[in-house]
C-alpha atoms as a PDB file:
ATOM      1  CA  MET A   1      66.125-145.541 -23.543  1.00  0.00           C
ATOM      2  CA  LEU A   2      64.405-147.336 -20.680  1.00  0.00           C
ATOM      3  CA  ASP A   3      67.117-146.156 -18.258  1.00  0.00           C
ATOM      4  CA  LYS A   4      66.577-142.565 -19.428  1.00  0.00           C
ATOM      5  CA  ILE A   5      62.827-142.844 -18.871  1.00  0.00           C
ATOM      6  CA  LYS A   6      63.367-144.329 -15.402  1.00  0.00           C
ATOM      7  CA  ALA A   7      65.698-141.493 -14.413  1.00  0.00           C
ATOM      8  CA  LEU A   8      63.214-138.908 -15.745  1.00  0.00           C
ATOM      9  CA  ARG A   9      60.449-140.520 -13.720  1.00  0.00           C
ATOM     10  CA  GLU A  10      62.452-140.158 -10.505  1.00  0.00           C
ATOM     11  CA  GLU A  11      63.275-136.575 -11.427  1.00  0.00           C
ATOM     12  CA  ILE A  12      59.636-135.644 -11.856  1.00  0.00           C
ATOM     13  CA  LYS A  13      58.706-137.158  -8.480  1.00  0.00           C
ATOM     14  CA  GLN A  14      61.165-134.774  -6.817  1.00  0.00           C
ATOM     15  CA  LEU A  15      59.757-131.633  -8.455  1.00  0.00           C
ATOM     16  CA  THR A  16      58.547-128.800  -6.219  1.00  0.00           C
ATOM     17  CA  ALA A  17      57.089-125.348  -6.861  1.00  0.00           C
ATOM     18  CA  GLN A  18      56.680-122.346  -4.577  1.00  0.00           C
ATOM     19  CA  THR A  19      54.270-120.376  -6.760  1.00  0.00           C
ATOM     20  CA  ALA A  20      51.680-120.950  -9.452  1.00  0.00           C
ATOM     21  CA  ASP A  21      54.087-119.489 -12.008  1.00  0.00           C
ATOM     22  CA  GLU A  22      56.745-122.074 -11.086  1.00  0.00           C
ATOM     23  CA  ALA A  23      54.191-124.869 -11.489  1.00  0.00           C
ATOM     24  CA  GLU A  24      53.261-123.546 -14.930  1.00  0.00           C
ATOM     25  CA  HIS A  25      56.956-123.378 -15.853  1.00  0.00           C
ATOM     26  CA  LEU A  26      57.328-127.080 -14.938  1.00  0.00           C
ATOM     27  CA  ARG A  27      54.333-127.958 -17.110  1.00  0.00           C
ATOM     28  CA  ILE A  28      55.895-126.189 -20.078  1.00  0.00           C
ATOM     29  CA  LYS A  29      59.308-127.773 -19.438  1.00  0.00           C
ATOM     30  CA  TYR A  30      58.067-131.361 -19.309  1.00  0.00           C
ATOM     31  CA  LEU A  31      54.655-131.500 -21.074  1.00  0.00           C
ATOM     32  CA  SER A  32      54.587-128.844 -23.825  1.00  0.00           C
ATOM     33  CA  LYS A  33      55.098-129.747 -27.491  1.00  0.00           C
ATOM     34  CA  LYS A  34      58.789-128.926 -27.156  1.00  0.00           C
ATOM     35  CA  GLY A  35      59.095-130.333 -23.642  1.00  0.00           C
ATOM     36  CA  ILE A  36      61.294-133.145 -22.414  1.00  0.00           C
ATOM     37  CA  ILE A  37      58.628-135.872 -22.628  1.00  0.00           C
ATOM     38  CA  SER A  38      57.691-134.805 -26.165  1.00  0.00           C
ATOM     39  CA  GLU A  39      61.344-135.223 -27.151  1.00  0.00           C
ATOM     40  CA  LEU A  40      61.134-138.832 -25.927  1.00  0.00           C
ATOM     41  CA  PHE A  41      58.442-139.471 -28.513  1.00  0.00           C
ATOM     42  CA  ASN A  42      60.785-138.091 -31.189  1.00  0.00           C
ATOM     43  CA  ASP A  43      63.552-140.421 -30.032  1.00  0.00           C
ATOM     44  CA  PHE A  44      61.038-143.283 -30.037  1.00  0.00           C
ATOM     45  CA  LYS A  45      61.305-143.397 -33.845  1.00  0.00           C
ATOM     46  CA  THR A  46      64.916-144.523 -33.681  1.00  0.00           C
ATOM     47  CA  ILE A  47      64.590-147.530 -31.381  1.00  0.00           C
ATOM     48  CA  PRO A  48      64.417-151.120 -32.800  1.00  0.00           C
ATOM     49  CA  SER A  49      60.984-152.389 -33.772  1.00  0.00           C
ATOM     50  CA  GLU A  50      61.028-155.243 -31.236  1.00  0.00           C
ATOM     51  CA  GLN A  51      61.380-152.708 -28.377  1.00  0.00           C
ATOM     52  CA  LYS A  52      58.757-150.186 -29.545  1.00  0.00           C
ATOM     53  CA  ARG A  53      55.812-151.844 -27.808  1.00  0.00           C
ATOM     54  CA  GLU A  54      57.495-151.948 -24.411  1.00  0.00           C
ATOM     55  CA  VAL A  55      59.074-148.483 -24.661  1.00  0.00           C
ATOM     56  CA  GLY A  56      55.850-146.887 -25.965  1.00  0.00           C
ATOM     57  CA  GLN A  57      53.860-148.154 -22.972  1.00  0.00           C
ATOM     58  CA  VAL A  58      56.494-146.856 -20.534  1.00  0.00           C
ATOM     59  CA  ILE A  59      56.546-143.395 -22.160  1.00  0.00           C
ATOM     60  CA  ASN A  60      52.726-143.149 -21.974  1.00  0.00           C
ATOM     61  CA  VAL A  61      52.796-144.097 -18.289  1.00  0.00           C
ATOM     62  CA  LEU A  62      55.444-141.445 -17.702  1.00  0.00           C
ATOM     63  CA  LYS A  63      53.408-138.782 -19.484  1.00  0.00           C
ATOM     64  CA  ASN A  64      50.248-139.581 -17.491  1.00  0.00           C
ATOM     65  CA  GLU A  65      52.106-139.562 -14.180  1.00  0.00           C
ATOM     66  CA  ALA A  66      53.798-136.242 -15.041  1.00  0.00           C
ATOM     67  CA  GLN A  67      50.432-134.629 -15.959  1.00  0.00           C
ATOM     68  CA  GLU A  68      48.818-135.839 -12.739  1.00  0.00           C
ATOM     69  CA  PHE A  69      51.753-134.682 -10.578  1.00  0.00           C
ATOM     70  CA  ILE A  70      52.069-131.200 -12.122  1.00  0.00           C
ATOM     71  CA  ASN A  71      48.294-130.680 -12.115  1.00  0.00           C
ATOM     72  CA  GLY A  72      48.368-131.443  -8.413  1.00  0.00           C
ATOM     73  CA  LEU A  73      50.921-128.674  -7.895  1.00  0.00           C
ATOM     74  CA  LYS A  74      48.789-126.189  -9.839  1.00  0.00           C
ATOM     75  CA  GLU A  75      45.597-127.068  -7.920  1.00  0.00           C
ATOM     76  CA  GLN A  76      47.425-126.423  -4.670  1.00  0.00           C
ATOM     77  CA  PHE A  77      48.045-122.817  -5.697  1.00  0.00           C
ATOM     78  CA  ALA A  78      44.505-122.417  -7.090  1.00  0.00           C
ATOM     79  CA  ASP A  79      43.105-123.068  -3.577  1.00  0.00           C
ATOM     80  CA  THR A  80      45.536-120.527  -2.172  1.00  0.00           C
ATOM     81  CA  GLN A  81      44.400-117.883  -4.660  1.00  0.00           C
ATOM     82  CA  VAL A  82      40.715-118.332  -3.707  1.00  0.00           C
ATOM     83  CA  LYS A  83      41.467-118.046  -0.013  1.00  0.00           C
ATOM     84  CA  GLY A  84      43.623-114.993  -0.654  1.00  0.00           C
ATOM     85  CA  ALA A  85      40.655-113.308  -2.328  1.00  0.00           C
ATOM     86  CA  GLY A  86      38.816-113.306   0.980  1.00  0.00           C
ATOM     87  CA  VAL A  87      36.449-116.234   0.325  1.00  0.00           C
ATOM     88  CA  ASP A  88      36.114-118.859   3.048  1.00  0.00           C
ATOM     89  CA  LEU A  89      34.854-122.016   1.352  1.00  0.00           C
ATOM     90  CA  THR A  90      33.913-123.542   4.708  1.00  0.00           C
ATOM     91  CA  LEU A  91      31.194-120.944   5.361  1.00  0.00           C
ATOM     92  CA  PRO A  92      27.536-121.807   4.541  1.00  0.00           C
ATOM     93  CA  GLY A  93      26.055-120.382   1.360  1.00  0.00           C
ATOM     94  CA  THR A  94      24.325-117.026   1.200  1.00  0.00           C
ATOM     95  CA  VAL A  95      20.680-117.305   2.224  1.00  0.00           C
ATOM     96  CA  MET A  96      18.366-116.084  -0.541  1.00  0.00           C
ATOM     97  CA  LYS A  97      15.126-114.533   0.685  1.00  0.00           C
ATOM     98  CA  LEU A  98      12.080-116.171  -0.860  1.00  0.00           C
ATOM     99  CA  GLY A  99       9.345-114.001  -2.255  1.00  0.00           C
ATOM    100  CA  SER A 100       5.639-114.518  -1.697  1.00  0.00           C
ATOM    101  CA  ARG A 101       2.609-114.659  -3.913  1.00  0.00           C
ATOM    102  CA  HIS A 102       0.450-111.565  -4.196  1.00  0.00           C
ATOM    103  CA  PRO A 103      -2.783-111.863  -2.172  1.00  0.00           C
ATOM    104  CA  LEU A 104      -4.829-111.366  -5.342  1.00  0.00           C
ATOM    105  CA  SER A 105      -3.007-114.292  -6.960  1.00  0.00           C
ATOM    106  CA  LEU A 106      -3.636-116.456  -3.907  1.00  0.00           C
ATOM    107  CA  VAL A 107      -7.379-115.754  -3.943  1.00  0.00           C
ATOM    108  CA  ARG A 108      -7.633-116.063  -7.728  1.00  0.00           C
ATOM    109  CA  ASN A 109      -6.036-119.499  -7.592  1.00  0.00           C
ATOM    110  CA  GLU A 110      -8.320-120.537  -4.755  1.00  0.00           C
ATOM    111  CA  ILE A 111     -11.430-119.438  -6.678  1.00  0.00           C
ATOM    112  CA  VAL A 112     -10.246-121.270  -9.796  1.00  0.00           C
ATOM    113  CA  ASN A 113      -9.588-124.447  -7.800  1.00  0.00           C
ATOM    114  CA  ILE A 114     -13.037-124.359  -6.184  1.00  0.00           C
ATOM    115  CA  PHE A 115     -14.845-124.123  -9.508  1.00  0.00           C
ATOM    116  CA  ALA A 116     -12.488-126.658 -11.098  1.00  0.00           C
ATOM    117  CA  ARG A 117     -13.832-129.187  -8.595  1.00  0.00           C
ATOM    118  CA  LEU A 118     -17.290-128.504 -10.068  1.00  0.00           C
ATOM    119  CA  GLY A 119     -16.059-129.184 -13.603  1.00  0.00           C
ATOM    120  CA  PHE A 120     -15.480-125.599 -14.762  1.00  0.00           C
ATOM    121  CA  ASN A 121     -12.528-124.998 -17.071  1.00  0.00           C
ATOM    122  CA  ILE A 122     -10.635-121.713 -17.528  1.00  0.00           C
ATOM    123  CA  SER A 123     -10.961-119.395 -20.538  1.00  0.00           C
ATOM    124  CA  GLU A 124      -9.134-116.126 -21.132  1.00  0.00           C
ATOM    125  CA  GLY A 125      -9.443-113.340 -23.678  1.00  0.00           C
ATOM    126  CA  PRO A 126      -7.969-109.982 -24.745  1.00  0.00           C
ATOM    127  CA  GLU A 127      -7.983-106.952 -22.445  1.00  0.00           C
ATOM    128  CA  ILE A 128      -8.267-104.581 -25.440  1.00  0.00           C
ATOM    129  CA  GLU A 129     -11.665-105.366 -26.906  1.00  0.00           C
ATOM    130  CA  ASP A 130     -14.273-104.095 -29.343  1.00  0.00           C
ATOM    131  CA  ASP A 131     -17.715-102.669 -28.632  1.00  0.00           C
ATOM    132  CA  PHE A 132     -19.557-105.740 -29.910  1.00  0.00           C
ATOM    133  CA  HIS A 133     -18.031-108.229 -27.467  1.00  0.00           C
ATOM    134  CA  VAL A 134     -18.130-105.898 -24.454  1.00  0.00           C
ATOM    135  CA  PHE A 135     -21.597-104.404 -24.967  1.00  0.00           C
ATOM    136  CA  THR A 136     -23.703-105.276 -28.021  1.00  0.00           C
ATOM    137  CA  ALA A 137     -23.473-109.089 -27.761  1.00  0.00           C
ATOM    138  CA  LEU A 138     -24.341-108.816 -24.068  1.00  0.00           C
ATOM    139  CA  ASN A 139     -27.655-107.092 -24.752  1.00  0.00           C
ATOM    140  CA  PHE A 140     -26.376-103.501 -24.484  1.00  0.00           C
ATOM    141  CA  PRO A 141     -27.871-101.885 -27.623  1.00  0.00           C
ATOM    142  CA  GLU A 142     -26.457 -98.553 -28.775  1.00  0.00           C
ATOM    143  CA  GLU A 143     -27.728 -95.625 -26.713  1.00  0.00           C
ATOM    144  CA  HIS A 144     -29.026 -98.085 -24.114  1.00  0.00           C
ATOM    145  CA  PRO A 145     -28.959 -96.409 -20.665  1.00  0.00           C
ATOM    146  CA  ALA A 146     -27.325 -99.524 -19.169  1.00  0.00           C
ATOM    147  CA  ARG A 147     -24.089 -98.520 -20.932  1.00  0.00           C
ATOM    148  CA  ASP A 148     -23.856 -95.660 -18.438  1.00  0.00           C
ATOM    149  CA  MET A 149     -23.531 -98.192 -15.599  1.00  0.00           C
ATOM    150  CA  GLN A 150     -19.854 -98.525 -16.472  1.00  0.00           C
ATOM    151  CA  ASP A 151     -17.451 -95.664 -17.223  1.00  0.00           C
ATOM    152  CA  THR A 152     -15.373 -97.025 -20.067  1.00  0.00           C
ATOM    153  CA  PHE A 153     -11.906 -96.225 -21.433  1.00  0.00           C
ATOM    154  CA  PHE A 154     -12.346 -95.809 -25.201  1.00  0.00           C
ATOM    155  CA  ILE A 155      -9.560 -95.335 -27.739  1.00  0.00           C
ATOM    156  CA  GLU A 156      -9.877 -91.765 -29.014  1.00  0.00           C
ATOM    157  CA  LYS A 157      -8.890 -92.543 -32.621  1.00  0.00           C
ATOM    158  CA  ASP A 158     -11.260 -95.525 -32.829  1.00  0.00           C
ATOM    159  CA  PRO A 159     -14.317 -95.427 -30.529  1.00  0.00           C
ATOM    160  CA  ASP A 160     -15.024 -99.067 -31.373  1.00  0.00           C
ATOM    161  CA  VAL A 161     -11.844-100.114 -29.477  1.00  0.00           C
ATOM    162  CA  LEU A 162     -11.868-100.016 -25.684  1.00  0.00           C
ATOM    163  CA  LEU A 163     -10.426-101.530 -22.532  1.00  0.00           C
ATOM    164  CA  ARG A 164     -12.835-104.211 -21.368  1.00  0.00           C
ATOM    165  CA  THR A 165     -14.982-103.259 -18.390  1.00  0.00           C
ATOM    166  CA  HIS A 166     -15.766-106.871 -17.470  1.00  0.00           C
ATOM    167  CA  THR A 167     -14.613-110.349 -18.423  1.00  0.00           C
ATOM    168  CA  SER A 168     -18.086-111.081 -19.806  1.00  0.00           C
ATOM    169  CA  SER A 169     -16.550-110.334 -23.201  1.00  0.00           C
ATOM    170  CA  VAL A 170     -14.700-113.653 -22.898  1.00  0.00           C
ATOM    171  CA  GLN A 171     -18.057-115.383 -22.362  1.00  0.00           C
ATOM    172  CA  VAL A 172     -19.179-114.065 -25.739  1.00  0.00           C
ATOM    173  CA  ARG A 173     -16.013-115.299 -27.458  1.00  0.00           C
ATOM    174  CA  VAL A 174     -16.432-118.759 -25.942  1.00  0.00           C
ATOM    175  CA  MET A 175     -20.119-118.951 -26.954  1.00  0.00           C
ATOM    176  CA  GLU A 176     -19.221-117.885 -30.511  1.00  0.00           C
ATOM    177  CA  LYS A 177     -16.782-120.787 -30.908  1.00  0.00           C
ATOM    178  CA  THR A 178     -18.363-123.490 -28.721  1.00  0.00           C
ATOM    179  CA  GLN A 179     -21.739-125.140 -28.698  1.00  0.00           C
ATOM    180  CA  PRO A 180     -23.255-126.263 -25.354  1.00  0.00           C
ATOM    181  CA  PRO A 181     -22.644-127.767 -22.955  1.00  0.00           C
ATOM    182  CA  ILE A 182     -20.394-124.899 -21.802  1.00  0.00           C
ATOM    183  CA  ARG A 183     -19.029-124.774 -18.269  1.00  0.00           C
ATOM    184  CA  SER A 184     -16.238-122.240 -17.864  1.00  0.00           C
ATOM    185  CA  ILE A 185     -14.864-119.444 -15.684  1.00  0.00           C
ATOM    186  CA  PHE A 186     -13.145-116.299 -16.913  1.00  0.00           C
ATOM    187  CA  PRO A 187     -10.542-114.693 -14.624  1.00  0.00           C
ATOM    188  CA  GLY A 188      -8.829-111.511 -15.739  1.00  0.00           C
ATOM    189  CA  ARG A 189      -8.035-107.831 -15.347  1.00  0.00           C
ATOM    190  CA  VAL A 190     -10.609-105.158 -16.218  1.00  0.00           C
ATOM    191  CA  PHE A 191     -10.623-101.354 -16.425  1.00  0.00           C
ATOM    192  CA  ARG A 192     -13.136 -98.640 -15.549  1.00  0.00           C
ATOM    193  CA  ASN A 193     -12.806 -94.880 -15.511  1.00  0.00           C
ATOM    194  CA  GLU A 194     -13.415 -94.429 -11.795  1.00  0.00           C
ATOM    195  CA  ALA A 195     -11.882 -92.205  -9.138  1.00  0.00           C
ATOM    196  CA  ILE A 196      -9.369 -94.141  -7.026  1.00  0.00           C
ATOM    197  CA  SER A 197     -10.301 -94.459  -3.368  1.00  0.00           C
ATOM    198  CA  ALA A 198     -10.171 -96.968  -0.527  1.00  0.00           C
ATOM    199  CA  ARG A 199     -13.173 -98.788  -2.055  1.00  0.00           C
ATOM    200  CA  ALA A 200     -12.658 -98.330  -5.821  1.00  0.00           C
ATOM    201  CA  HIS A 201      -9.881 -98.417  -8.416  1.00  0.00           C
ATOM    202  CA  CYS A 202      -9.589 -97.895 -12.164  1.00  0.00           C
ATOM    203  CA  ILE A 203      -7.937-101.325 -12.478  1.00  0.00           C
ATOM    204  CA  PHE A 204      -9.257-104.445 -10.788  1.00  0.00           C
ATOM    205  CA  HIS A 205      -9.740-108.174 -11.371  1.00  0.00           C
ATOM    206  CA  GLN A 206     -12.814-110.299 -11.955  1.00  0.00           C
ATOM    207  CA  VAL A 207     -13.769-113.936 -12.135  1.00  0.00           C
ATOM    208  CA  GLU A 208     -16.931-114.613 -14.106  1.00  0.00           C
ATOM    209  CA  GLY A 209     -18.586-117.943 -14.717  1.00  0.00           C
ATOM    210  CA  LEU A 210     -20.916-119.399 -17.347  1.00  0.00           C
ATOM    211  CA  TYR A 211     -22.853-122.658 -17.503  1.00  0.00           C
ATOM    212  CA  ILE A 212     -25.064-123.449 -20.504  1.00  0.00           C
ATOM    213  CA  ASP A 213     -26.801-126.758 -21.112  1.00  0.00           C
ATOM    214  CA  GLU A 214     -30.234-128.252 -21.389  1.00  0.00           C
ATOM    215  CA  ASN A 215     -32.544-127.763 -18.391  1.00  0.00           C
ATOM    216  CA  VAL A 216     -30.205-125.494 -16.414  1.00  0.00           C
ATOM    217  CA  SER A 217     -32.241-123.721 -13.741  1.00  0.00           C
ATOM    218  CA  PHE A 218     -31.929-120.976 -11.130  1.00  0.00           C
ATOM    219  CA  ALA A 219     -31.714-123.744  -8.520  1.00  0.00           C
ATOM    220  CA  ASP A 220     -28.488-124.947 -10.177  1.00  0.00           C
ATOM    221  CA  LEU A 221     -27.128-121.414  -9.919  1.00  0.00           C
ATOM    222  CA  LYS A 222     -28.004-121.163  -6.229  1.00  0.00           C
ATOM    223  CA  GLN A 223     -26.411-124.504  -5.337  1.00  0.00           C
ATOM    224  CA  THR A 224     -23.242-123.654  -7.268  1.00  0.00           C
ATOM    225  CA  LEU A 225     -22.833-120.326  -5.468  1.00  0.00           C
ATOM    226  CA  LEU A 226     -23.653-121.833  -2.063  1.00  0.00           C
ATOM    227  CA  TYR A 227     -20.925-124.438  -2.588  1.00  0.00           C
ATOM    228  CA  PHE A 228     -18.473-121.701  -3.565  1.00  0.00           C
ATOM    229  CA  ALA A 229     -19.289-119.551  -0.524  1.00  0.00           C
ATOM    230  CA  LYS A 230     -18.831-122.419   1.921  1.00  0.00           C
ATOM    231  CA  GLU A 231     -15.560-123.519   0.319  1.00  0.00           C
ATOM    232  CA  MET A 232     -14.146-119.986   0.249  1.00  0.00           C
ATOM    233  CA  PHE A 233     -15.347-118.569   3.572  1.00  0.00           C
ATOM    234  CA  GLY A 234     -16.137-121.608   5.710  1.00  0.00           C
ATOM    235  CA  GLU A 235     -18.813-124.249   6.208  1.00  0.00           C
ATOM    236  CA  LYS A 236     -20.986-121.990   8.379  1.00  0.00           C
ATOM    237  CA  THR A 237     -21.322-119.327   5.665  1.00  0.00           C
ATOM    238  CA  GLN A 238     -24.878-118.593   4.516  1.00  0.00           C
ATOM    239  CA  ILE A 239     -25.993-116.827   1.333  1.00  0.00           C
ATOM    240  CA  ARG A 240     -28.982-114.779   0.262  1.00  0.00           C
ATOM    241  CA  LEU A 241     -30.053-113.645  -3.212  1.00  0.00           C
ATOM    242  CA  ARG A 242     -31.659-110.247  -3.797  1.00  0.00           C
ATOM    243  CA  PRO A 243     -33.393-109.188  -7.042  1.00  0.00           C
ATOM    244  CA  SER A 244     -31.253-106.927  -9.232  1.00  0.00           C
ATOM    245  CA  TYR A 245     -30.756-105.894 -12.860  1.00  0.00           C
ATOM    246  CA  PHE A 246     -28.097-106.751 -15.447  1.00  0.00           C
ATOM    247  CA  PRO A 247     -28.716-106.391 -19.207  1.00  0.00           C
ATOM    248  CA  PHE A 248     -27.334-109.859 -19.985  1.00  0.00           C
ATOM    249  CA  THR A 249     -29.250-111.910 -17.379  1.00  0.00           C
ATOM    250  CA  GLU A 250     -32.945-112.339 -16.604  1.00  0.00           C
ATOM    251  CA  PRO A 251     -33.840-112.821 -13.813  1.00  0.00           C
ATOM    252  CA  SER A 252     -30.826-111.184 -12.137  1.00  0.00           C
ATOM    253  CA  ALA A 253     -29.692-111.162  -8.533  1.00  0.00           C
ATOM    254  CA  GLU A 254     -27.061-109.867  -6.137  1.00  0.00           C
ATOM    255  CA  MET A 255     -25.609-112.418  -3.738  1.00  0.00           C
ATOM    256  CA  ASP A 256     -24.699-111.632  -0.135  1.00  0.00           C
ATOM    257  CA  ILE A 257     -22.878-113.838   2.348  1.00  0.00           C
ATOM    258  CA  SER A 258     -23.204-113.813   6.099  1.00  0.00           C
ATOM    259  CA  CYS A 259     -20.507-111.521   7.504  1.00  0.00           C
ATOM    260  CA  THR A 260     -17.320-113.495   8.079  1.00  0.00           C
ATOM    261  CA  LEU A 261     -16.213-111.168  10.882  1.00  0.00           C
ATOM    262  CA  CYS A 262     -19.265-111.154  13.128  1.00  0.00           C
ATOM    263  CA  GLY A 263     -20.897-114.364  11.916  1.00  0.00           C
ATOM    264  CA  GLY A 264     -24.037-112.493  10.855  1.00  0.00           C
ATOM    265  CA  LYS A 265     -24.622-110.754  14.200  1.00  0.00           C
ATOM    266  CA  GLY A 266     -23.809-107.276  12.879  1.00  0.00           C
ATOM    267  CA  CYS A 267     -20.651-105.154  12.898  1.00  0.00           C
ATOM    268  CA  ASN A 268     -19.180-102.077  11.190  1.00  0.00           C
ATOM    269  CA  VAL A 269     -17.873-104.181   8.260  1.00  0.00           C
ATOM    270  CA  CYS A 270     -21.379-105.361   7.319  1.00  0.00           C
ATOM    271  CA  LYS A 271     -22.935-102.073   8.471  1.00  0.00           C
ATOM    272  CA  TYR A 272     -24.728-104.014  11.210  1.00  0.00           C
ATOM    273  CA  THR A 273     -26.872-105.910   8.711  1.00  0.00           C
ATOM    274  CA  GLY A 274     -25.062-109.247   9.109  1.00  0.00           C
ATOM    275  CA  TRP A 275     -24.651-109.518   5.314  1.00  0.00           C
ATOM    276  CA  VAL A 276     -21.939-108.539   2.804  1.00  0.00           C
ATOM    277  CA  GLU A 277     -22.479-108.359  -0.971  1.00  0.00           C
ATOM    278  CA  ILE A 278     -19.878-110.293  -3.004  1.00  0.00           C
ATOM    279  CA  LEU A 279     -21.206-110.934  -6.539  1.00  0.00           C
ATOM    280  CA  GLY A 280     -23.890-110.546  -9.187  1.00  0.00           C
ATOM    281  CA  CYS A 281     -25.575-113.395 -11.045  1.00  0.00           C
ATOM    282  CA  GLY A 282     -28.597-114.513 -13.017  1.00  0.00           C
ATOM    283  CA  MET A 283     -29.980-116.650 -15.809  1.00  0.00           C
ATOM    284  CA  VAL A 284     -28.476-115.863 -19.221  1.00  0.00           C
ATOM    285  CA  ASP A 285     -30.859-113.690 -21.241  1.00  0.00           C
ATOM    286  CA  PRO A 286     -32.133-115.548 -24.360  1.00  0.00           C
ATOM    287  CA  HIS A 287     -31.052-112.602 -26.538  1.00  0.00           C
ATOM    288  CA  VAL A 288     -27.430-113.164 -25.439  1.00  0.00           C
ATOM    289  CA  LEU A 289     -27.652-116.820 -26.496  1.00  0.00           C
ATOM    290  CA  GLU A 290     -29.111-115.848 -29.871  1.00  0.00           C
ATOM    291  CA  TYR A 291     -26.328-113.309 -30.502  1.00  0.00           C
ATOM    292  CA  SER A 292     -23.889-116.252 -30.347  1.00  0.00           C
ATOM    293  CA  ASN A 293     -26.079-118.582 -32.453  1.00  0.00           C
ATOM    294  CA  ILE A 294     -27.096-120.793 -29.520  1.00  0.00           C
ATOM    295  CA  ASP A 295     -30.656-122.099 -29.618  1.00  0.00           C
ATOM    296  CA  SER A 296     -32.415-120.374 -26.701  1.00  0.00           C
ATOM    297  CA  GLU A 297     -35.389-122.732 -27.057  1.00  0.00           C
ATOM    298  CA  LYS A 298     -33.196-125.745 -26.354  1.00  0.00           C
ATOM    299  CA  TYR A 299     -30.563-124.367 -23.982  1.00  0.00           C
ATOM    300  CA  THR A 300     -30.597-122.288 -20.830  1.00  0.00           C
ATOM    301  CA  GLY A 301     -27.753-121.161 -18.648  1.00  0.00           C
ATOM    302  CA  PHE A 302     -26.594-119.080 -15.728  1.00  0.00           C
ATOM    303  CA  ALA A 303     -23.779-116.577 -15.299  1.00  0.00           C
ATOM    304  CA  PHE A 304     -22.113-114.910 -12.343  1.00  0.00           C
ATOM    305  CA  GLY A 305     -19.303-112.457 -11.736  1.00  0.00           C
ATOM    306  CA  MET A 306     -17.274-111.314  -8.754  1.00  0.00           C
ATOM    307  CA  GLY A 307     -14.423-108.929  -8.046  1.00  0.00           C
ATOM    308  CA  ILE A 308     -11.304-110.692  -6.803  1.00  0.00           C
ATOM    309  CA  GLU A 309     -10.366-107.596  -4.785  1.00  0.00           C
ATOM    310  CA  ARG A 310     -13.707-107.718  -2.950  1.00  0.00           C
ATOM    311  CA  ILE A 311     -13.267-111.399  -2.081  1.00  0.00           C
ATOM    312  CA  THR A 312      -9.660-110.822  -0.976  1.00  0.00           C
ATOM    313  CA  MET A 313     -10.611-107.879   1.221  1.00  0.00           C
ATOM    314  CA  LEU A 314     -13.263-109.980   2.949  1.00  0.00           C
ATOM    315  CA  LYS A 315     -11.039-113.035   3.320  1.00  0.00           C
ATOM    316  CA  TYR A 316      -8.052-111.160   4.797  1.00  0.00           C
ATOM    317  CA  GLN A 317      -9.929-108.218   6.394  1.00  0.00           C
ATOM    318  CA  ILE A 318      -8.182-105.628   4.207  1.00  0.00           C
ATOM    319  CA  LYS A 319      -9.902-102.227   4.288  1.00  0.00           C
ATOM    320  CA  ASP A 320      -8.134-100.324   1.472  1.00  0.00           C
ATOM    321  CA  ILE A 321      -8.128-101.609  -2.126  1.00  0.00           C
ATOM    322  CA  ARG A 322      -5.170 -99.372  -3.005  1.00  0.00           C
ATOM    323  CA  LEU A 323      -2.840-101.625  -1.005  1.00  0.00           C
ATOM    324  CA  PHE A 324      -3.108-104.269  -3.735  1.00  0.00           C
ATOM    325  CA  PHE A 325      -1.443-101.979  -6.302  1.00  0.00           C
ATOM    326  CA  GLU A 326       1.197-100.113  -4.274  1.00  0.00           C
ATOM    327  CA  ASN A 327       3.661-103.037  -3.971  1.00  0.00           C
ATOM    328  CA  ASP A 328       4.501-102.140  -0.388  1.00  0.00           C
ATOM    329  CA  VAL A 329       6.791-104.935   0.807  1.00  0.00           C
ATOM    330  CA  ARG A 330       5.554-104.529   4.381  1.00  0.00           C
ATOM    331  CA  PHE A 331       2.046-105.372   3.184  1.00  0.00           C
ATOM    332  CA  LEU A 332       3.019-108.200   0.817  1.00  0.00           C
ATOM    333  CA  GLU A 333       5.273-109.962   3.347  1.00  0.00           C
ATOM    334  CA  GLN A 334       2.223-110.755   5.464  1.00  0.00           C
ATOM    335  CA  PHE A 335       1.200-113.390   2.926  1.00  0.00           C
ATOM    336  CA  LYS A 336       4.437-115.439   2.941  1.00  0.00           C
ATOM    337  CA  ALA A 337       2.823-118.210   4.960  1.00  0.00           C
ATOM    338  CA  SER A 338       0.444-118.857   2.080  1.00  0.00           C
ATOM    339  CA  ILE A 339       3.076-119.206  -0.670  1.00  0.00           C
END
């Protein structure tokens, strides 16, 4: 038996194959269930007991060597098949072009990071809202003329359902569920029924902010916005606040920054005034606090809101808001450096 195994071992070492099919034929001949090596295991039953240990070890060694040798033959032809298919494994891999973040996403993230450094967290809410959260709770009574300030998309079958015109609706939801102190910003997409032009769109993005606590003053609002302006547009940026009107704040103001293009000297971007408007703000009206069951005698707060498109256009000197929504690769590729 041992002589037979030794002869078989020498035979296997001399095996050759010219094709993958021949290599597979050798595997079947020697290693299949009815192959030559399997027959050795059948003969193993007939040998004396004192020889079984030695013979069994030799047969196992033979089987392992045969598997390794025949597998080597098959791998040789596998490499040949890949090369024959026209693939050169020595070439470098295919370069995949990286995408880039949308400019609105870049500016949104930058705004969020600036206010995060001041302790503001992020809150988000639904884009399909109801009349109460968009208007009534923000001091827009029914038939109030201030409702005409915003052209709203209402659902025809249910006039109480609408697409939100500002992210202030998220402020209301946060105030309903949270007692002061509240310090949060509200980024999101909003909708208004406006004609699309270089300066306006029916879809745009806002970031609003809300801070409510004891003894919050207009001075706190001014310092917060000054910090934001300098972080976003540069240390030399100046701000000014002009009186304005919003139903949900009193007093209210519009904030301008010194023109980033001319440094406040006057150019066609700032209409030669040296100033560019970027956001609205004010102290939260006590009625708004009361709508959300917050004690207006104990707490005060400020709110502000800005359009992300407006900030992005100023930051990157983009003159047409429609570019943000057209997905023109030539436009978007300009922002790869900021990924």
